[in-house]
């Protein structure tokens, strides 16, 4: 029985039984022997399938999952761009104030507004995502968001004041919310069980790609002294939406969504498109039967999904886990990564060298994202999250100590290095594994709504934390520099304790098994050791 961090052993003696009376309440589809046998076969095949075998059997599923995840690069681009604006020399001279001893700087209130406005727009977007996706599907909702993204970039690009730029960022945030709510859900639904962790982890890689592009662009444009120092990077946003629109137009819809809408023939076609071209009809029909079985169980439990369903019965627990996992991304070093250039400046680095360090930091995050793939394939979600949080917590406290002792060039470099290490660990563990947990925790029936509400919790936590982060780093605020490590180390400790007692192990569990585990109210630390029979339909 799992009782501690990283315990991966199974207790094969722990077998749960179901009430025989439940079978009497089963809908007709669950009494269809042929369909159930196909469902058993498909689920057992997914459990037996290794990562590399799954990649070879479902290459197109991997491609489409990664493509949808790549839409996150647009939110990442803007988030990192705002973090770099406040460090751009020309931008600071145009919109900043002069502070004795610190030079030109953007006032704290405008820093916070630039960071928060997009998140406020995204907060609206994630609540729109669930109802729109339930009606239109993942594909058309994403295309709609891309059209909206193309249009809203104009506001930011032509902005001639900080207030208009803030408004432009708020409008851009709405499609961000649609992207971030739909991408992990779609990715988790189109790939086999063995690939769910790997493919949803590409969300963090898309985030890093956005950071690399921004770091490279702002490093080059920082040498300009005119308005194109910031208008140039803003214009680069237009390179993403149109090509993505064209590709996603040809993407298959999630078969899970199609089955929930009663469109079985289209779902079967999607399953065939997501597998190998040489895949046989029987295999596709077995996969369809497995999906029908799970969807029918959930429909029997709840009917048409609504936001209120997220707060009822066992779904309340699943919603809390999703919300806490999303919110916790703000509390273990992520905000240092988002404001890396400004953090390096406050740690004592020159402006030019800070931009160089930020580019290095972004590239290292990309490497960490790549390393997260084998990690998520072979280690449990709970294990990765707990170890990653514990390590970053220690590094954050060490950062605070480095900033508290008498300062010299060595302590400045130490703080910068610790900031890079914290960002690297986050990008390889906490960041990508959070998306895996989020996409797997919710029931299939409520997934579009759950991922949207979970991301809303992220913004509810992030918006005040952005203000706090800006206040801690800014010379016109508290000017704590690396001492902010004490604050983020404390919040990381809270995340660690909460996850130890509340985060279940979801790896290698089908959606049906997760429904049953949550339905039986199994404690989080016993999820891994509880055995679920393939014939259980509760």
Protein backbone atom coordinates (compact mmCIF):
# COMPACT_ATOMS: atom_id res chain seq x y z
CA UNK A 1 0.00 0.00 0.00
CA UNK A 2 1.38 3.39 -1.00
CA UNK A 3 2.14 5.51 2.00
CA UNK A 4 4.93 7.84 0.98
CA UNK A 5 6.63 9.83 -1.71
CA UNK A 6 7.55 7.72 -4.71
CA UNK A 7 6.19 4.39 -3.41
CA UNK A 8 5.47 2.48 -6.62
CA UNK A 9 4.74 -0.98 -5.25
CA UNK A 10 1.41 -2.67 -5.82
CA UNK A 11 -0.52 -4.49 -3.09
CA UNK A 12 -2.08 -7.31 -5.06
CA UNK A 13 -4.10 -8.48 -2.05
CA UNK A 14 -6.23 -5.33 -2.00
CA UNK A 15 -9.25 -6.23 -4.13
CA UNK A 16 -12.45 -4.21 -4.07
CA UNK A 17 -15.82 -5.84 -4.81
CA UNK A 18 -18.93 -4.23 -6.14
CA UNK A 19 -22.52 -4.63 -5.01
CA UNK A 20 -24.25 -7.23 -7.23
CA UNK A 21 -27.42 -5.12 -7.06
CA UNK A 22 -25.68 -2.48 -9.18
CA UNK A 23 -25.84 -4.83 -12.16
CA UNK A 24 -29.64 -4.80 -11.95
CA UNK A 25 -29.56 -1.02 -12.47
CA UNK A 26 -27.29 -1.17 -15.52
CA UNK A 27 -28.59 0.36 -18.80
CA UNK A 28 -29.18 -1.94 -21.77
CA UNK A 29 -25.89 -1.16 -23.49
CA UNK A 30 -23.96 -2.58 -20.52
CA UNK A 31 -25.89 -5.86 -20.84
CA UNK A 32 -24.91 -6.30 -24.50
CA UNK A 33 -22.45 -9.21 -24.28
CA UNK A 34 -20.82 -8.66 -27.67
CA UNK A 35 -20.22 -4.97 -27.02
CA UNK A 36 -18.92 -5.67 -23.52
CA UNK A 37 -16.51 -8.34 -24.76
CA UNK A 38 -15.16 -5.86 -27.33
CA UNK A 39 -14.83 -3.25 -24.57
CA UNK A 40 -12.94 -5.68 -22.32
CA UNK A 41 -10.61 -6.58 -25.19
CA UNK A 42 -9.89 -2.93 -26.06
CA UNK A 43 -9.24 -1.89 -22.47
CA UNK A 44 -6.94 -4.84 -21.81
CA UNK A 45 -5.07 -4.05 -25.03
CA UNK A 46 -4.51 -0.45 -23.88
CA UNK A 47 -3.18 -1.66 -20.52
CA UNK A 48 -0.76 -4.03 -22.23
CA UNK A 49 0.45 -1.48 -24.78
CA UNK A 50 3.87 0.10 -24.14
CA UNK A 51 4.79 3.69 -24.95
CA UNK A 52 6.77 2.96 -28.11
CA UNK A 53 4.17 0.47 -29.36
CA UNK A 54 1.45 3.09 -28.79
CA UNK A 55 3.45 5.67 -30.78
CA UNK A 56 3.86 3.26 -33.71
CA UNK A 57 0.20 2.25 -33.64
CA UNK A 58 -1.17 5.80 -33.28
CA UNK A 59 1.20 8.21 -35.04
CA UNK A 60 -1.58 10.51 -36.22
CA UNK A 61 -3.13 10.66 -32.76
CA UNK A 62 0.23 11.89 -31.45
CA UNK A 63 0.45 14.47 -34.23
CA UNK A 64 -3.04 15.91 -33.67
CA UNK A 65 -2.65 15.90 -29.88
CA UNK A 66 0.64 17.80 -30.13
CA UNK A 67 -0.83 20.22 -32.68
CA UNK A 68 -3.70 21.16 -30.36
CA UNK A 69 -1.22 21.53 -27.50
CA UNK A 70 0.86 23.87 -29.67
CA UNK A 71 -1.92 26.48 -29.52
CA UNK A 72 -0.67 27.23 -25.99
CA UNK A 73 2.41 28.81 -27.56
CA UNK A 74 0.30 31.95 -28.09
CA UNK A 75 -0.53 32.40 -24.41
CA UNK A 76 3.06 31.62 -23.52
CA UNK A 77 4.35 34.12 -26.09
CA UNK A 78 2.31 36.96 -24.65
CA UNK A 79 2.99 36.09 -21.01
CA UNK A 80 6.75 36.04 -21.56
CA UNK A 81 6.53 39.10 -23.83
CA UNK A 82 4.92 41.15 -21.06
CA UNK A 83 7.62 39.96 -18.69
CA UNK A 84 10.24 41.19 -21.16
CA UNK A 85 8.55 44.50 -21.97
CA UNK A 86 9.26 45.76 -18.46
CA UNK A 87 12.97 45.07 -19.07
CA UNK A 88 13.22 46.54 -22.62
CA UNK A 89 15.27 49.73 -22.54
CA UNK A 90 13.19 51.60 -25.17
CA UNK A 91 9.91 50.52 -23.57
CA UNK A 92 11.04 51.68 -20.13
CA UNK A 93 12.15 55.06 -21.50
CA UNK A 94 8.84 55.54 -23.34
CA UNK A 95 6.45 54.48 -20.58
CA UNK A 96 8.53 54.29 -17.40
CA UNK A 97 9.61 56.59 -14.57
CA UNK A 98 13.14 57.36 -13.45
CA UNK A 99 14.10 55.90 -10.06
CA UNK A 100 17.30 57.09 -8.43
CA UNK A 101 19.77 54.21 -8.25
CA UNK A 102 17.68 51.92 -10.46
CA UNK A 103 17.26 53.97 -13.65
CA UNK A 104 14.17 53.87 -15.84
CA UNK A 105 11.51 51.38 -14.71
CA UNK A 106 7.83 50.64 -15.38
CA UNK A 107 5.74 51.51 -12.28
CA UNK A 108 4.51 48.52 -10.29
CA UNK A 109 0.83 49.20 -11.00
CA UNK A 110 1.42 49.11 -14.79
CA UNK A 111 3.63 46.04 -14.53
CA UNK A 112 0.83 44.25 -12.69
CA UNK A 113 -1.77 45.52 -15.15
CA UNK A 114 0.22 44.24 -18.15
CA UNK A 115 0.62 40.81 -16.55
CA UNK A 116 -2.92 40.58 -15.18
CA UNK A 117 -5.02 41.91 -18.08
CA UNK A 118 -4.45 38.90 -20.32
CA UNK A 119 -5.19 36.56 -17.44
CA UNK A 120 -8.46 38.39 -16.73
CA UNK A 121 -9.47 37.87 -20.36
CA UNK A 122 -8.44 34.22 -20.18
CA UNK A 123 -10.54 33.84 -17.03
CA UNK A 124 -13.58 34.73 -19.14
CA UNK A 125 -12.40 32.47 -21.96
CA UNK A 126 -12.12 29.33 -19.83
CA UNK A 127 -15.71 29.70 -18.63
CA UNK A 128 -16.88 30.11 -22.23
CA UNK A 129 -14.86 27.06 -23.32
CA UNK A 130 -16.99 24.39 -21.64
CA UNK A 131 -20.42 25.35 -23.04
CA UNK A 132 -19.01 26.20 -26.49
CA UNK A 133 -17.03 22.95 -26.71
CA UNK A 134 -19.97 20.85 -25.56
CA UNK A 135 -21.96 22.36 -28.43
CA UNK A 136 -19.37 22.74 -31.23
CA UNK A 137 -16.66 20.22 -30.34
CA UNK A 138 -12.95 20.72 -29.72
CA UNK A 139 -12.09 21.30 -33.38
CA UNK A 140 -14.49 24.13 -34.24
CA UNK A 141 -14.05 25.80 -30.84
CA UNK A 142 -10.29 25.96 -31.40
CA UNK A 143 -10.73 27.34 -34.93
CA UNK A 144 -13.08 30.00 -33.55
CA UNK A 145 -10.47 30.93 -30.92
CA UNK A 146 -7.75 31.22 -33.58
CA UNK A 147 -9.89 33.60 -35.65
CA UNK A 148 -10.48 35.69 -32.53
CA UNK A 149 -6.76 35.64 -31.73
CA UNK A 150 -5.90 36.99 -35.18
CA UNK A 151 -8.32 39.88 -34.71
CA UNK A 152 -7.36 40.88 -31.15
CA UNK A 153 -3.62 41.12 -31.91
CA UNK A 154 -4.40 44.31 -33.87
CA UNK A 155 -5.36 46.14 -30.66
CA UNK A 156 -2.02 45.44 -28.95
CA UNK A 157 0.03 46.08 -32.07
CA UNK A 158 -1.42 49.54 -32.72
CA UNK A 159 -1.58 50.54 -29.03
CA UNK A 160 0.01 53.95 -28.37
CA UNK A 161 -0.31 53.95 -24.57
CA UNK A 162 -0.03 51.52 -21.68
CA UNK A 163 -3.79 51.67 -21.10
CA UNK A 164 -4.62 50.61 -24.69
CA UNK A 165 -1.94 47.89 -24.54
CA UNK A 166 -3.54 46.58 -21.33
CA UNK A 167 -6.96 46.52 -23.05
CA UNK A 168 -5.47 44.69 -26.04
CA UNK A 169 -3.96 42.06 -23.77
CA UNK A 170 -7.31 41.58 -22.03
CA UNK A 171 -9.04 40.86 -25.36
CA UNK A 172 -6.24 38.51 -26.44
CA UNK A 173 -6.75 36.61 -23.19
CA UNK A 174 -10.21 35.35 -24.21
CA UNK A 175 -8.92 32.97 -26.92
CA UNK A 176 -6.06 31.96 -24.59
CA UNK A 177 -8.72 30.66 -22.22
CA UNK A 178 -10.31 28.60 -24.99
CA UNK A 179 -6.92 27.13 -25.97
CA UNK A 180 -5.82 26.18 -22.48
CA UNK A 181 -9.19 24.65 -21.56
CA UNK A 182 -9.46 22.50 -24.70
CA UNK A 183 -5.90 21.44 -25.50
CA UNK A 184 -5.21 19.06 -22.57
CA UNK A 185 -8.73 17.61 -22.82
CA UNK A 186 -8.45 16.91 -26.56
CA UNK A 187 -4.92 15.49 -26.25
CA UNK A 188 -5.93 13.09 -23.48
CA UNK A 189 -8.97 11.87 -25.43
CA UNK A 190 -7.36 11.06 -28.79
CA UNK A 191 -4.28 9.08 -27.64
CA UNK A 192 -4.07 5.64 -26.02
CA UNK A 193 -3.61 5.19 -22.29
CA UNK A 194 0.19 4.79 -22.50
CA UNK A 195 0.58 8.16 -24.25
CA UNK A 196 -1.73 10.36 -22.18
CA UNK A 197 1.05 11.62 -19.91
CA UNK A 198 3.55 12.13 -22.74
CA UNK A 199 1.20 13.98 -25.08
CA UNK A 200 -0.38 16.25 -22.48
CA UNK A 201 3.16 17.09 -21.30
CA UNK A 202 3.76 18.75 -24.70
CA UNK A 203 1.63 21.63 -23.39
CA UNK A 204 4.59 22.67 -21.26
CA UNK A 205 6.89 22.27 -24.27
CA UNK A 206 4.67 24.64 -26.27
CA UNK A 207 4.95 27.05 -23.35
CA UNK A 208 8.73 26.85 -23.55
CA UNK A 209 8.75 27.33 -27.33
CA UNK A 210 6.85 30.58 -26.83
CA UNK A 211 9.42 31.61 -24.24
CA UNK A 212 12.34 30.84 -26.58
CA UNK A 213 10.85 32.89 -29.43
CA UNK A 214 10.18 35.82 -27.10
CA UNK A 215 13.64 35.59 -25.53
CA UNK A 216 15.34 35.59 -28.92
CA UNK A 217 13.16 38.38 -30.34
CA UNK A 218 13.45 40.70 -27.35
CA UNK A 219 17.19 40.09 -27.09
CA UNK A 220 17.55 41.28 -30.68
CA UNK A 221 15.01 44.12 -30.45
CA UNK A 222 16.43 45.37 -27.12
CA UNK A 223 19.18 47.11 -29.09
CA UNK A 224 16.58 49.29 -30.87
CA UNK A 225 15.71 52.68 -29.41
CA UNK A 226 12.43 53.26 -31.27
CA UNK A 227 8.87 51.93 -30.88
CA UNK A 228 9.70 48.82 -32.96
CA UNK A 229 11.59 47.52 -29.93
CA UNK A 230 8.19 46.34 -28.67
CA UNK A 231 5.97 46.53 -31.79
CA UNK A 232 8.23 44.06 -33.62
CA UNK A 233 7.81 41.28 -31.03
CA UNK A 234 4.05 42.00 -30.89
CA UNK A 235 3.77 41.54 -34.66
CA UNK A 236 5.41 38.10 -34.40
CA UNK A 237 2.19 36.82 -32.81
CA UNK A 238 0.60 36.73 -36.26
CA UNK A 239 2.87 33.89 -37.39
CA UNK A 240 0.85 31.32 -35.37
CA UNK A 241 -2.96 31.53 -35.80
CA UNK A 242 -3.46 31.19 -39.59
CA UNK A 243 -1.24 28.10 -40.16
CA UNK A 244 -2.79 26.45 -37.08
CA UNK A 245 -6.30 27.20 -38.40
CA UNK A 246 -5.54 25.48 -41.69
CA UNK A 247 -4.12 22.37 -40.02
CA UNK A 248 -6.81 22.06 -37.35
CA UNK A 249 -9.53 22.34 -40.01
CA UNK A 250 -8.37 18.89 -41.19
CA UNK A 251 -8.07 17.41 -37.67
CA UNK A 252 -10.40 14.60 -36.55
CA UNK A 253 -12.86 15.45 -33.78
CA UNK A 254 -12.42 13.65 -30.46
CA UNK A 255 -14.28 10.30 -30.71
CA UNK A 256 -15.24 10.66 -27.04
CA UNK A 257 -17.03 13.94 -27.83
CA UNK A 258 -18.74 12.41 -30.86
CA UNK A 259 -20.00 9.44 -28.84
CA UNK A 260 -21.34 11.77 -26.16
CA UNK A 261 -23.29 13.51 -28.96
CA UNK A 262 -24.62 10.18 -30.26
CA UNK A 263 -22.60 10.28 -33.52
CA UNK A 264 -21.20 6.74 -33.49
CA UNK A 265 -20.34 6.47 -37.20
CA UNK A 266 -18.31 9.68 -37.12
CA UNK A 267 -16.63 8.50 -33.90
CA UNK A 268 -15.60 5.27 -35.64
CA UNK A 269 -14.12 7.26 -38.54
CA UNK A 270 -12.16 9.42 -36.06
CA UNK A 271 -10.82 6.33 -34.32
CA UNK A 272 -9.60 4.96 -37.65
CA UNK A 273 -7.96 8.28 -38.55
CA UNK A 274 -6.21 8.45 -35.20
CA UNK A 275 -4.78 4.92 -35.51
CA UNK A 276 -2.57 3.39 -38.16
CA UNK A 277 -3.88 3.31 -41.69
CA UNK A 278 -3.37 -0.42 -41.66
CA UNK A 279 -5.48 -0.74 -38.49
CA UNK A 280 -8.26 -3.30 -38.90
CA UNK A 281 -12.00 -2.70 -38.56
CA UNK A 282 -12.35 -5.04 -35.58
CA UNK A 283 -9.77 -3.15 -33.53
CA UNK A 284 -11.46 0.19 -34.21
CA UNK A 285 -14.89 -1.21 -33.32
CA UNK A 286 -13.49 -2.64 -30.07
CA UNK A 287 -12.10 0.79 -29.15
CA UNK A 288 -15.48 2.30 -29.97
CA UNK A 289 -17.17 -0.22 -27.68
CA UNK A 290 -14.79 0.67 -24.84
CA UNK A 291 -15.65 4.35 -25.23
CA UNK A 292 -19.38 3.65 -25.48
CA UNK A 293 -19.22 1.64 -22.29
CA UNK A 294 -17.51 4.41 -20.30
CA UNK A 295 -19.75 7.15 -21.69
CA UNK A 296 -22.87 5.08 -20.97
CA UNK A 297 -21.79 4.51 -17.37
CA UNK A 298 -21.28 8.25 -16.87
CA UNK A 299 -24.54 9.21 -18.64
CA UNK A 300 -26.38 6.74 -16.42
CA UNK A 301 -24.85 8.54 -13.43
CA UNK A 302 -25.55 12.13 -14.45
CA UNK A 303 -27.17 12.96 -17.80
CA UNK A 304 -26.49 16.21 -19.68
CA UNK A 305 -23.47 17.98 -18.10
CA UNK A 306 -23.77 21.38 -16.39
CA UNK A 307 -21.39 23.49 -14.32
CA UNK A 308 -23.33 22.56 -11.17
CA UNK A 309 -22.48 18.89 -11.79
CA UNK A 310 -18.85 19.74 -11.00
CA UNK A 311 -19.91 20.37 -7.40
CA UNK A 312 -22.00 17.23 -6.92
CA UNK A 313 -21.07 13.88 -5.42
CA UNK A 314 -17.71 12.40 -6.36
CA UNK A 315 -17.24 14.99 -9.10
CA UNK A 316 -16.70 17.63 -6.40
CA UNK A 317 -13.54 15.82 -5.28
CA UNK A 318 -12.33 15.58 -8.87
CA UNK A 319 -13.02 19.29 -9.42
CA UNK A 320 -11.09 20.22 -6.27
CA UNK A 321 -8.06 18.19 -7.41
CA UNK A 322 -8.16 19.80 -10.87
CA UNK A 323 -8.47 23.31 -9.43
CA UNK A 324 -5.71 22.81 -6.86
CA UNK A 325 -3.33 21.30 -9.44
CA UNK A 326 -3.83 24.25 -11.76
CA UNK A 327 -3.58 26.83 -8.96
CA UNK A 328 -0.43 25.22 -7.55
CA UNK A 329 1.48 26.02 -10.77
CA UNK A 330 1.77 29.57 -9.42
CA UNK A 331 3.30 28.61 -6.10
CA UNK A 332 6.50 26.65 -6.77
CA UNK A 333 8.69 28.94 -8.87
CA UNK A 334 6.67 29.43 -12.05
CA UNK A 335 6.26 33.19 -11.56
CA UNK A 336 10.04 33.57 -11.34
CA UNK A 337 10.28 31.81 -14.72
CA UNK A 338 7.62 34.09 -16.25
CA UNK A 339 9.53 37.22 -15.17
CA UNK A 340 13.01 35.77 -15.63
CA UNK A 341 14.62 38.75 -17.41
CA UNK A 342 13.37 41.22 -14.81
CA UNK A 343 14.38 38.81 -12.03
CA UNK A 344 17.93 38.56 -13.43
CA UNK A 345 18.13 42.37 -13.55
CA UNK A 346 17.07 42.64 -9.91
CA UNK A 347 19.60 39.93 -9.03
CA UNK A 348 22.37 42.30 -10.19
CA UNK A 349 22.87 41.31 -13.86
CA UNK A 350 23.18 43.96 -16.60
CA UNK A 351 20.18 44.45 -18.91
CA UNK A 352 21.93 42.93 -21.94
CA UNK A 353 23.24 39.97 -19.95
CA UNK A 354 19.78 39.45 -18.41
CA UNK A 355 18.29 39.01 -21.88
CA UNK A 356 21.05 36.52 -22.75
CA UNK A 357 20.37 34.58 -19.55
CA UNK A 358 16.66 34.58 -20.32
CA UNK A 359 17.31 33.03 -23.74
CA UNK A 360 19.51 30.37 -22.12
CA UNK A 361 16.84 29.79 -19.48
CA UNK A 362 14.12 29.35 -22.12
CA UNK A 363 16.24 26.84 -24.07
CA UNK A 364 16.95 24.88 -20.90
CA UNK A 365 13.23 24.76 -20.16
CA UNK A 366 12.69 23.26 -23.60
CA UNK A 367 15.29 20.56 -22.79
CA UNK A 368 13.53 19.90 -19.47
CA UNK A 369 10.22 19.48 -21.31
CA UNK A 370 11.82 16.82 -23.51
CA UNK A 371 13.12 15.02 -20.42
CA UNK A 372 9.60 15.06 -18.95
CA UNK A 373 8.40 12.64 -21.65
CA UNK A 374 10.33 9.58 -20.43
CA UNK A 375 9.67 10.66 -16.84
CA UNK A 376 5.90 10.71 -17.36
CA UNK A 377 6.04 7.43 -19.30
CA UNK A 378 7.82 5.46 -16.58
CA UNK A 379 7.07 7.23 -13.29
CA UNK A 380 3.77 7.98 -11.61
CA UNK A 381 2.09 11.39 -11.74
CA UNK A 382 2.06 11.62 -7.96
CA UNK A 383 5.73 10.62 -7.66
CA UNK A 384 6.93 13.23 -10.18
CA UNK A 385 4.83 16.00 -8.66
CA UNK A 386 5.91 15.34 -5.07
CA UNK A 387 9.62 15.05 -5.81
CA UNK A 388 9.59 18.08 -8.13
CA UNK A 389 7.79 20.23 -5.57
CA UNK A 390 10.09 19.11 -2.74
CA UNK A 391 13.21 19.92 -4.76
CA UNK A 392 11.99 23.35 -5.86
CA UNK A 393 10.93 24.19 -2.33
CA UNK A 394 14.51 23.59 -1.14
CA UNK A 395 15.95 25.66 -4.01
CA UNK A 396 13.56 28.54 -3.29
CA UNK A 397 14.57 28.71 0.37
CA UNK A 398 18.22 28.56 -0.70
CA UNK A 399 17.55 31.47 -3.08
CA UNK A 400 16.21 33.47 -0.16
CA UNK A 401 19.33 32.70 1.88
CA UNK A 402 21.62 33.81 -0.98
CA UNK A 403 19.76 37.11 -1.20
CA UNK A 404 19.94 37.67 2.58
CA UNK A 405 23.72 37.53 3.03
CA UNK A 406 26.07 40.43 2.10
CA UNK A 407 25.83 40.88 -1.67
CA UNK A 408 28.67 40.67 -4.18
CA UNK A 409 29.15 39.36 -7.71
CA UNK A 410 29.20 35.75 -6.49
CA UNK A 411 25.86 36.01 -4.70
CA UNK A 412 24.37 37.73 -7.76
CA UNK A 413 25.41 34.85 -10.00
CA UNK A 414 24.24 32.33 -7.40
CA UNK A 415 20.75 33.88 -7.39
CA UNK A 416 20.64 33.88 -11.19
CA UNK A 417 21.72 30.20 -11.32
CA UNK A 418 19.15 29.20 -8.71
CA UNK A 419 16.46 30.99 -10.71
CA UNK A 420 17.45 28.95 -13.79
CA UNK A 421 17.50 25.67 -11.81
CA UNK A 422 14.04 26.37 -10.36
CA UNK A 423 12.67 27.11 -13.84
CA UNK A 424 14.33 23.96 -15.24
CA UNK A 425 12.85 21.68 -12.56
CA UNK A 426 9.41 23.25 -12.96
CA UNK A 427 9.53 22.74 -16.74
CA UNK A 428 10.54 19.09 -16.35
CA UNK A 429 8.27 18.00 -13.50
CA UNK A 430 5.56 20.22 -12.02
CA UNK A 431 4.52 21.99 -15.21
CA UNK A 432 4.00 19.07 -17.62
CA UNK A 433 2.74 16.57 -15.04
CA UNK A 434 0.11 19.05 -13.85
CA UNK A 435 -1.47 19.01 -17.31
CA UNK A 436 -1.50 15.21 -17.29
CA UNK A 437 -3.24 15.11 -13.91
CA UNK A 438 -5.75 17.77 -14.96
CA UNK A 439 -6.73 15.98 -18.16
CA UNK A 440 -7.10 12.61 -16.42
CA UNK A 441 -8.86 13.58 -13.19
CA UNK A 442 -12.22 14.74 -14.54
CA UNK A 443 -14.88 12.38 -15.83
CA UNK A 444 -15.26 12.15 -19.61
CA UNK A 445 -18.76 13.63 -19.38
CA UNK A 446 -17.56 16.78 -17.56
CA UNK A 447 -14.08 17.12 -19.08
CA UNK A 448 -14.66 20.25 -21.18
CA UNK A 449 -16.28 21.99 -18.21
CA UNK A 450 -13.78 20.69 -15.65
CA UNK A 451 -10.64 21.77 -17.50
CA UNK A 452 -12.17 25.22 -18.01
CA UNK A 453 -13.09 25.68 -14.35
CA UNK A 454 -9.70 24.29 -13.29
CA UNK A 455 -7.91 26.85 -15.44
CA UNK A 456 -10.16 29.53 -13.96
CA UNK A 457 -8.79 28.52 -10.55
CA UNK A 458 -5.30 29.01 -11.99
CA UNK A 459 -6.15 32.59 -12.95
CA UNK A 460 -7.87 33.28 -9.62
CA UNK A 461 -4.61 32.28 -7.92
CA UNK A 462 -2.31 33.87 -10.49
CA UNK A 463 -3.81 37.35 -10.75
CA UNK A 464 -3.08 38.36 -7.11
CA UNK A 465 0.20 36.43 -7.21
CA UNK A 466 1.34 38.44 -10.26
CA UNK A 467 0.76 41.63 -8.28
CA UNK A 468 2.65 40.12 -5.35
CA UNK A 469 5.54 39.00 -7.60
CA UNK A 470 5.81 42.44 -9.23
CA UNK A 471 5.64 44.13 -5.84
CA UNK A 472 8.40 41.91 -4.45
CA UNK A 473 10.79 42.43 -7.41
CA UNK A 474 10.17 46.03 -8.44
CA UNK A 475 12.46 48.81 -7.12
CA UNK A 476 9.32 50.96 -6.75
CA UNK A 477 7.77 48.19 -4.65
CA UNK A 478 9.34 46.09 -1.89
CA UNK A 479 12.58 45.49 -3.84
CA UNK A 480 13.13 42.03 -2.30
CA UNK A 481 14.91 40.52 -5.34
CA UNK A 482 15.97 36.96 -4.43
CA UNK A 483 14.40 37.18 -0.97
CA UNK A 484 11.11 36.37 -2.70
CA UNK A 485 12.41 32.77 -2.49
CA UNK A 486 11.23 32.66 1.12
CA UNK A 487 7.67 33.48 0.04
CA UNK A 488 7.57 31.03 -2.87
CA UNK A 489 9.32 28.37 -0.79
CA UNK A 490 6.56 28.67 1.81
CA UNK A 491 3.81 28.35 -0.81
CA UNK A 492 5.64 25.35 -2.34
CA UNK A 493 5.58 23.68 1.09
CA UNK A 494 1.80 24.11 1.23
CA UNK A 495 1.53 22.53 -2.26
CA UNK A 496 3.71 19.59 -1.18
CA UNK A 497 1.61 18.84 1.91
CA UNK A 498 -1.68 19.20 0.00
CA UNK A 499 -0.51 16.88 -2.79
CA UNK A 500 0.83 14.27 -0.38
CA UNK A 501 -2.60 13.81 1.17
CA UNK A 502 -4.86 14.69 -1.76
CA UNK A 503 -3.22 13.81 -5.10
CA UNK A 504 -4.04 10.26 -6.32
CA UNK A 505 -1.92 8.22 -8.70
CA UNK A 506 -3.63 8.27 -12.11
CA UNK A 507 -1.00 6.62 -14.30
CA UNK A 508 -2.04 3.45 -16.16
CA UNK A 509 -5.70 3.87 -15.25
CA UNK A 510 -8.44 3.88 -17.90
CA UNK A 511 -11.18 6.48 -17.60
CA UNK A 512 -13.59 3.73 -16.50
CA UNK A 513 -11.24 2.67 -13.71
CA UNK A 514 -10.84 6.26 -12.54
CA UNK A 515 -14.62 6.68 -12.46
CA UNK A 516 -14.84 3.61 -10.24
CA UNK A 517 -11.97 4.64 -7.95
CA UNK A 518 -13.49 8.06 -7.36
CA UNK A 519 -16.95 6.52 -7.03
CA UNK A 520 -15.72 4.20 -4.28
CA UNK A 521 -14.10 7.18 -2.51
CA UNK A 522 -10.70 5.45 -2.42
CA UNK A 523 -8.13 7.56 -0.46
CA UNK A 524 -5.54 9.26 -2.67
CA UNK A 525 -2.61 7.21 -1.36
CA UNK A 526 -4.43 3.93 -2.12
CA UNK A 527 -5.31 4.64 -5.76
CA UNK A 528 -2.24 2.83 -7.08
CA UNK A 529 -2.79 -0.35 -5.06
CA UNK A 530 -6.54 -0.76 -5.53
CA UNK A 531 -7.39 -3.41 -8.12
CA UNK A 532 -10.34 -2.85 -10.46
CA UNK A 533 -11.78 -5.79 -12.37
CA UNK A 534 -12.20 -5.29 -16.12
CA UNK A 535 -15.85 -6.37 -15.83
CA UNK A 536 -16.87 -3.80 -13.20
CA UNK A 537 -19.44 -1.33 -14.53
CA UNK A 538 -20.37 0.71 -11.46
